[in-house]
PDB file of N, CA and C in Angstrom:
ATOM      1  N   MET A   1     134.386 106.613  15.493  1.00  0.00           N
ATOM      2  CA  MET A   1     135.167 105.535  14.959  1.00  0.00           C
ATOM      3  C   MET A   1     136.597 105.994  14.782  1.00  0.00           C
ATOM      4  N   LYS A   2     137.492 105.035  14.912  1.00  0.00           N
ATOM      5  CA  LYS A   2     138.904 105.334  14.712  1.00  0.00           C
ATOM      6  C   LYS A   2     139.600 104.081  14.204  1.00  0.00           C
ATOM      7  N   PRO A   3     140.683 104.269  13.494  1.00  0.00           N
ATOM      8  CA  PRO A   3     141.421 103.100  13.024  1.00  0.00           C
ATOM      9  C   PRO A   3     142.091 102.384  14.187  1.00  0.00           C
ATOM     10  N   LEU A   4     142.133 101.079  14.116  1.00  0.00           N
ATOM     11  CA  LEU A   4     142.792 100.309  15.172  1.00  0.00           C
ATOM     12  C   LEU A   4     144.279 100.145  14.912  1.00  0.00           C
ATOM     13  N   ASP A   5     144.702 100.323  13.693  1.00  0.00           N
ATOM     14  CA  ASP A   5     146.114 100.217  13.357  1.00  0.00           C
ATOM     15  C   ASP A   5     146.545 101.521  12.702  1.00  0.00           C
ATOM     16  N   ALA A   6     146.759 102.532  13.535  1.00  0.00           N
ATOM     17  CA  ALA A   6     147.088 103.863  13.021  1.00  0.00           C
ATOM     18  C   ALA A   6     148.350 103.839  12.163  1.00  0.00           C
ATOM     19  N   TYR A   7     149.295 102.965  12.461  1.00  0.00           N
ATOM     20  CA  TYR A   7     150.530 102.883  11.675  1.00  0.00           C
ATOM     21  C   TYR A   7     150.225 102.540  10.215  1.00  0.00           C
ATOM     22  N   LEU A   8     149.330 101.600   9.982  1.00  0.00           N
ATOM     23  CA  LEU A   8     148.992 101.225   8.607  1.00  0.00           C
ATOM     24  C   LEU A   8     148.005 102.191   7.968  1.00  0.00           C
ATOM     25  N   ASP A   9     147.064 102.695   8.744  1.00  0.00           N
ATOM     26  CA  ASP A   9     145.940 103.438   8.186  1.00  0.00           C
ATOM     27  C   ASP A   9     146.199 104.926   7.991  1.00  0.00           C
ATOM     28  N   LEU A  10     146.975 105.527   8.871  1.00  0.00           N
ATOM     29  CA  LEU A  10     147.157 106.978   8.855  1.00  0.00           C
ATOM     30  C   LEU A  10     148.571 107.355   8.444  1.00  0.00           C
ATOM     31  N   GLU A  11     148.778 108.648   8.165  1.00  0.00           N
ATOM     32  CA  GLU A  11     150.103 109.124   7.772  1.00  0.00           C
ATOM     33  C   GLU A  11     150.894 109.698   8.941  1.00  0.00           C
ATOM     34  N   GLU A  12     150.224 110.049  10.031  1.00  0.00           N
ATOM     35  CA  GLU A  12     150.911 110.638  11.168  1.00  0.00           C
ATOM     36  C   GLU A  12     151.965 109.679  11.723  1.00  0.00           C
ATOM     37  N   GLU A  13     153.015 110.248  12.307  1.00  0.00           N
ATOM     38  CA  GLU A  13     154.060 109.453  12.969  1.00  0.00           C
ATOM     39  C   GLU A  13     154.669 108.423  12.020  1.00  0.00           C
ATOM     40  N   TYR A  14     154.912 108.839  10.783  1.00  0.00           N
ATOM     41  CA  TYR A  14     155.554 107.986   9.767  1.00  0.00           C
ATOM     42  C   TYR A  14     154.731 106.751   9.402  1.00  0.00           C
ATOM     43  N   GLY A  15     153.426 106.861   9.519  1.00  0.00           N
ATOM     44  CA  GLY A  15     152.552 105.741   9.171  1.00  0.00           C
ATOM     45  C   GLY A  15     152.512 105.490   7.671  1.00  0.00           C
ATOM     46  N   LYS A  16     151.933 104.399   7.299  1.00  0.00           N
ATOM     47  CA  LYS A  16     151.866 103.980   5.893  1.00  0.00           C
ATOM     48  C   LYS A  16     150.793 104.733   5.093  1.00  0.00           C
ATOM     49  N   GLY A  17     149.748 105.240   5.768  1.00  0.00           N
ATOM     50  CA  GLY A  17     148.735 106.059   5.099  1.00  0.00           C
ATOM     51  C   GLY A  17     147.852 105.331   4.098  1.00  0.00           C
ATOM     52  N   TRP A  18     147.414 104.135   4.436  1.00  0.00           N
ATOM     53  CA  TRP A  18     146.629 103.351   3.475  1.00  0.00           C
ATOM     54  C   TRP A  18     145.260 103.940   3.179  1.00  0.00           C
ATOM     55  N   TYR A  19     144.639 104.641   4.131  1.00  0.00           N
ATOM     56  CA  TYR A  19     143.349 105.280   3.825  1.00  0.00           C
ATOM     57  C   TYR A  19     143.517 106.227   2.640  1.00  0.00           C
ATOM     58  N   LYS A  20     144.526 107.071   2.720  1.00  0.00           N
ATOM     59  CA  LYS A  20     144.751 108.059   1.669  1.00  0.00           C
ATOM     60  C   LYS A  20     145.133 107.382   0.349  1.00  0.00           C
ATOM     61  N   LYS A  21     145.959 106.354   0.402  1.00  0.00           N
ATOM     62  CA  LYS A  21     146.377 105.653  -0.817  1.00  0.00           C
ATOM     63  C   LYS A  21     145.184 105.001  -1.520  1.00  0.00           C
ATOM     64  N   VAL A  22     144.328 104.358  -0.756  1.00  0.00           N
ATOM     65  CA  VAL A  22     143.157 103.709  -1.356  1.00  0.00           C
ATOM     66  C   VAL A  22     142.225 104.753  -1.960  1.00  0.00           C
ATOM     67  N   ASN A  23     142.046 105.870  -1.273  1.00  0.00           N
ATOM     68  CA  ASN A  23     141.203 106.933  -1.831  1.00  0.00           C
ATOM     69  C   ASN A  23     141.800 107.498  -3.112  1.00  0.00           C
ATOM     70  N   GLY A  24     143.122 107.575  -3.201  1.00  0.00           N
ATOM     71  CA  GLY A  24     143.779 108.031  -4.422  1.00  0.00           C
ATOM     72  C   GLY A  24     143.529 107.083  -5.586  1.00  0.00           C
ATOM     73  N   ILE A  25     143.577 105.795  -5.314  1.00  0.00           N
ATOM     74  CA  ILE A  25     143.285 104.798  -6.355  1.00  0.00           C
ATOM     75  C   ILE A  25     141.838 104.943  -6.821  1.00  0.00           C
ATOM     76  N   LYS A  26     140.947 105.175  -5.873  1.00  0.00           N
ATOM     77  CA  LYS A  26     139.527 105.341  -6.198  1.00  0.00           C
ATOM     78  C   LYS A  26     139.312 106.564  -7.101  1.00  0.00           C
ATOM     79  N   LEU A  27     140.050 107.630  -6.868  1.00  0.00           N
ATOM     80  CA  LEU A  27     139.920 108.821  -7.715  1.00  0.00           C
ATOM     81  C   LEU A  27     140.367 108.537  -9.147  1.00  0.00           C
ATOM     82  N   LYS A  28     141.408 107.729  -9.307  1.00  0.00           N
ATOM     83  CA  LYS A  28     141.899 107.384 -10.644  1.00  0.00           C
ATOM     84  C   LYS A  28     141.008 106.360 -11.340  1.00  0.00           C
ATOM     85  N   HIS A  29     140.332 105.555 -10.554  1.00  0.00           N
ATOM     86  CA  HIS A  29     139.486 104.479 -11.089  1.00  0.00           C
ATOM     87  C   HIS A  29     138.105 104.547 -10.428  1.00  0.00           C
ATOM     88  N   PRO A  30     137.253 105.482 -10.861  1.00  0.00           N
ATOM     89  CA  PRO A  30     135.960 105.704 -10.209  1.00  0.00           C
ATOM     90  C   PRO A  30     135.053 104.477 -10.161  1.00  0.00           C
ATOM     91  N   HIS A  31     135.257 103.531 -11.055  1.00  0.00           N
ATOM     92  CA  HIS A  31     134.428 102.319 -11.059  1.00  0.00           C
ATOM     93  C   HIS A  31     134.792 101.375  -9.914  1.00  0.00           C
ATOM     94  N   LEU A  32     135.931 101.605  -9.299  1.00  0.00           N
ATOM     95  CA  LEU A  32     136.397 100.743  -8.211  1.00  0.00           C
ATOM     96  C   LEU A  32     135.471 100.850  -7.002  1.00  0.00           C
ATOM     97  N   ARG A  33     135.075  99.719  -6.448  1.00  0.00           N
ATOM     98  CA  ARG A  33     134.254  99.706  -5.233  1.00  0.00           C
ATOM     99  C   ARG A  33     135.159  99.382  -4.061  1.00  0.00           C
ATOM    100  N   VAL A  34     135.153 100.251  -3.073  1.00  0.00           N
ATOM    101  CA  VAL A  34     135.992 100.091  -1.893  1.00  0.00           C
ATOM    102  C   VAL A  34     135.096  99.797  -0.700  1.00  0.00           C
ATOM    103  N   LEU A  35     135.444  98.790   0.062  1.00  0.00           N
ATOM    104  CA  LEU A  35     134.699  98.422   1.261  1.00  0.00           C
ATOM    105  C   LEU A  35     135.542  98.712   2.493  1.00  0.00           C
ATOM    106  N   LEU A  36     134.889  99.104   3.555  1.00  0.00           N
ATOM    107  CA  LEU A  36     135.563  99.374   4.817  1.00  0.00           C
ATOM    108  C   LEU A  36     134.944  98.489   5.883  1.00  0.00           C
ATOM    109  N   ALA A  37     135.760  97.745   6.577  1.00  0.00           N
ATOM    110  CA  ALA A  37     135.263  96.847   7.621  1.00  0.00           C
ATOM    111  C   ALA A  37     135.206  97.580   8.955  1.00  0.00           C
ATOM    112  N   ILE A  38     134.186  97.272   9.708  1.00  0.00           N
ATOM    113  CA  ILE A  38     134.030  97.804  11.058  1.00  0.00           C
ATOM    114  C   ILE A  38     134.251  96.641  12.016  1.00  0.00           C
ATOM    115  N   GLY A  39     135.070  96.870  13.009  1.00  0.00           N
ATOM    116  CA  GLY A  39     135.369  95.791  13.952  1.00  0.00           C
ATOM    117  C   GLY A  39     136.599  95.038  13.495  1.00  0.00           C
ATOM    118  N   GLY A  40     136.708  93.821  13.921  1.00  0.00           N
ATOM    119  CA  GLY A  40     137.856  93.027  13.522  1.00  0.00           C
ATOM    120  C   GLY A  40     138.063  91.853  14.452  1.00  0.00           C
ATOM    121  N   TRP A  41     139.025  91.067  14.118  1.00  0.00           N
ATOM    122  CA  TRP A  41     139.311  89.831  14.836  1.00  0.00           C
ATOM    123  C   TRP A  41     139.494  90.062  16.338  1.00  0.00           C
ATOM    124  N   ASN A  42     140.236  91.080  16.708  1.00  0.00           N
ATOM    125  CA  ASN A  42     140.542  91.334  18.120  1.00  0.00           C
ATOM    126  C   ASN A  42     139.474  92.139  18.846  1.00  0.00           C
ATOM    127  N   GLU A  43     138.491  92.625  18.141  1.00  0.00           N
ATOM    128  CA  GLU A  43     137.469  93.489  18.736  1.00  0.00           C
ATOM    129  C   GLU A  43     136.419  92.726  19.535  1.00  0.00           C
ATOM    130  N   GLY A  44     136.034  91.562  19.090  1.00  0.00           N
ATOM    131  CA  GLY A  44     134.905  90.886  19.713  1.00  0.00           C
ATOM    132  C   GLY A  44     133.610  91.542  19.272  1.00  0.00           C
ATOM    133  N   SER A  45     132.494  91.045  19.764  1.00  0.00           N
ATOM    134  CA  SER A  45     131.206  91.582  19.318  1.00  0.00           C
ATOM    135  C   SER A  45     130.386  92.205  20.438  1.00  0.00           C
ATOM    136  N   GLU A  46     130.836  92.089  21.673  1.00  0.00           N
ATOM    137  CA  GLU A  46     130.016  92.549  22.796  1.00  0.00           C
ATOM    138  C   GLU A  46     129.673  94.030  22.712  1.00  0.00           C
ATOM    139  N   LYS A  47     130.656  94.885  22.446  1.00  0.00           N
ATOM    140  CA  LYS A  47     130.348  96.321  22.424  1.00  0.00           C
ATOM    141  C   LYS A  47     129.416  96.685  21.267  1.00  0.00           C
ATOM    142  N   TYR A  48     129.468  95.926  20.172  1.00  0.00           N
ATOM    143  CA  TYR A  48     128.558  96.192  19.060  1.00  0.00           C
ATOM    144  C   TYR A  48     127.142  95.739  19.399  1.00  0.00           C
ATOM    145  N   SER A  49     127.026  94.659  20.148  1.00  0.00           N
ATOM    146  CA  SER A  49     125.704  94.204  20.591  1.00  0.00           C
ATOM    147  C   SER A  49     125.081  95.223  21.531  1.00  0.00           C
ATOM    148  N   VAL A  50     125.877  95.749  22.451  1.00  0.00           N
ATOM    149  CA  VAL A  50     125.383  96.765  23.391  1.00  0.00           C
ATOM    150  C   VAL A  50     124.965  98.018  22.618  1.00  0.00           C
ATOM    151  N   MET A  51     125.782  98.456  21.668  1.00  0.00           N
ATOM    152  CA  MET A  51     125.464  99.633  20.865  1.00  0.00           C
ATOM    153  C   MET A  51     124.168  99.427  20.085  1.00  0.00           C
ATOM    154  N   ALA A  52     123.975  98.246  19.526  1.00  0.00           N
ATOM    155  CA  ALA A  52     122.806  97.975  18.688  1.00  0.00           C
ATOM    156  C   ALA A  52     121.505  97.946  19.476  1.00  0.00           C
ATOM    157  N   GLU A  53     121.577  97.731  20.775  1.00  0.00           N
ATOM    158  CA  GLU A  53     120.368  97.684  21.608  1.00  0.00           C
ATOM    159  C   GLU A  53     119.721  99.048  21.790  1.00  0.00           C
ATOM    160  N   ASP A  54     120.492 100.120  21.671  1.00  0.00           N
ATOM    161  CA  ASP A  54     120.003 101.463  21.969  1.00  0.00           C
ATOM    162  C   ASP A  54     119.854 102.278  20.678  1.00  0.00           C
ATOM    163  N   PRO A  55     118.645 102.781  20.395  1.00  0.00           N
ATOM    164  CA  PRO A  55     118.428 103.541  19.156  1.00  0.00           C
ATOM    165  C   PRO A  55     119.332 104.777  19.034  1.00  0.00           C
ATOM    166  N   VAL A  56     119.587 105.458  20.136  1.00  0.00           N
ATOM    167  CA  VAL A  56     120.448 106.648  20.099  1.00  0.00           C
ATOM    168  C   VAL A  56     121.881 106.247  19.745  1.00  0.00           C
ATOM    169  N   SER A  57     122.355 105.166  20.338  1.00  0.00           N
ATOM    170  CA  SER A  57     123.705 104.675  20.030  1.00  0.00           C
ATOM    171  C   SER A  57     123.810 104.211  18.581  1.00  0.00           C
ATOM    172  N   ARG A  58     122.768 103.562  18.086  1.00  0.00           N
ATOM    173  CA  ARG A  58     122.772 103.120  16.689  1.00  0.00           C
ATOM    174  C   ARG A  58     122.867 104.310  15.741  1.00  0.00           C
ATOM    175  N   GLU A  59     122.102 105.361  16.037  1.00  0.00           N
ATOM    176  CA  GLU A  59     122.130 106.561  15.195  1.00  0.00           C
ATOM    177  C   GLU A  59     123.515 107.205  15.224  1.00  0.00           C
ATOM    178  N   LYS A  60     124.098 107.311  16.411  1.00  0.00           N
ATOM    179  CA  LYS A  60     125.441 107.886  16.538  1.00  0.00           C
ATOM    180  C   LYS A  60     126.455 107.055  15.746  1.00  0.00           C
ATOM    181  N   PHE A  61     126.354 105.739  15.845  1.00  0.00           N
ATOM    182  CA  PHE A  61     127.238 104.839  15.107  1.00  0.00           C
ATOM    183  C   PHE A  61     127.075 105.039  13.602  1.00  0.00           C
ATOM    184  N   ALA A  62     125.834 105.101  13.141  1.00  0.00           N
ATOM    185  CA  ALA A  62     125.562 105.268  11.710  1.00  0.00           C
ATOM    186  C   ALA A  62     126.120 106.593  11.196  1.00  0.00           C
ATOM    187  N   GLN A  63     125.924 107.658  11.948  1.00  0.00           N
ATOM    188  CA  GLN A  63     126.441 108.966  11.534  1.00  0.00           C
ATOM    189  C   GLN A  63     127.963 108.972  11.506  1.00  0.00           C
ATOM    190  N   SER A  64     128.575 108.330  12.481  1.00  0.00           N
ATOM    191  CA  SER A  64     130.033 108.236  12.522  1.00  0.00           C
ATOM    192  C   SER A  64     130.561 107.446  11.330  1.00  0.00           C
ATOM    193  N   ALA A  65     129.886 106.358  10.988  1.00  0.00           N
ATOM    194  CA  ALA A  65     130.294 105.541   9.840  1.00  0.00           C
ATOM    195  C   ALA A  65     130.174 106.342   8.544  1.00  0.00           C
ATOM    196  N   LEU A  66     129.088 107.083   8.394  1.00  0.00           N
ATOM    197  CA  LEU A  66     128.912 107.912   7.196  1.00  0.00           C
ATOM    198  C   LEU A  66     129.992 108.979   7.087  1.00  0.00           C
ATOM    199  N   SER A  67     130.321 109.610   8.203  1.00  0.00           N
ATOM    200  CA  SER A  67     131.376 110.630   8.194  1.00  0.00           C
ATOM    201  C   SER A  67     132.711 110.032   7.777  1.00  0.00           C
ATOM    202  N   LEU A  68     132.980 108.835   8.238  1.00  0.00           N
ATOM    203  CA  LEU A  68     134.249 108.181   7.922  1.00  0.00           C
ATOM    204  C   LEU A  68     134.370 107.857   6.440  1.00  0.00           C
ATOM    205  N   VAL A  69     133.302 107.377   5.830  1.00  0.00           N
ATOM    206  CA  VAL A  69     133.397 106.962   4.430  1.00  0.00           C
ATOM    207  C   VAL A  69     133.225 108.104   3.433  1.00  0.00           C
ATOM    208  N   ARG A  70     132.767 109.227   3.888  1.00  0.00           N
ATOM    209  CA  ARG A  70     132.610 110.383   2.976  1.00  0.00           C
ATOM    210  C   ARG A  70     133.891 111.101   2.911  1.00  0.00           C
TER     211      ARG A  70
END
């Protein structure tokens, strides 16, 4: 998995670094629940349907999602 809007999500190349900012807020306010969306308006659903058909792909997707949120 990777962010689709690196400028907003990451700090590299003078980006806004929202992933890090949200995690900082979470550290100050542990009761805060943060959700992360997978996909998006411009993504469509076809590649997710193809991924979901294969158990190996589903496992890889799940592990990648867990790594991202930890």
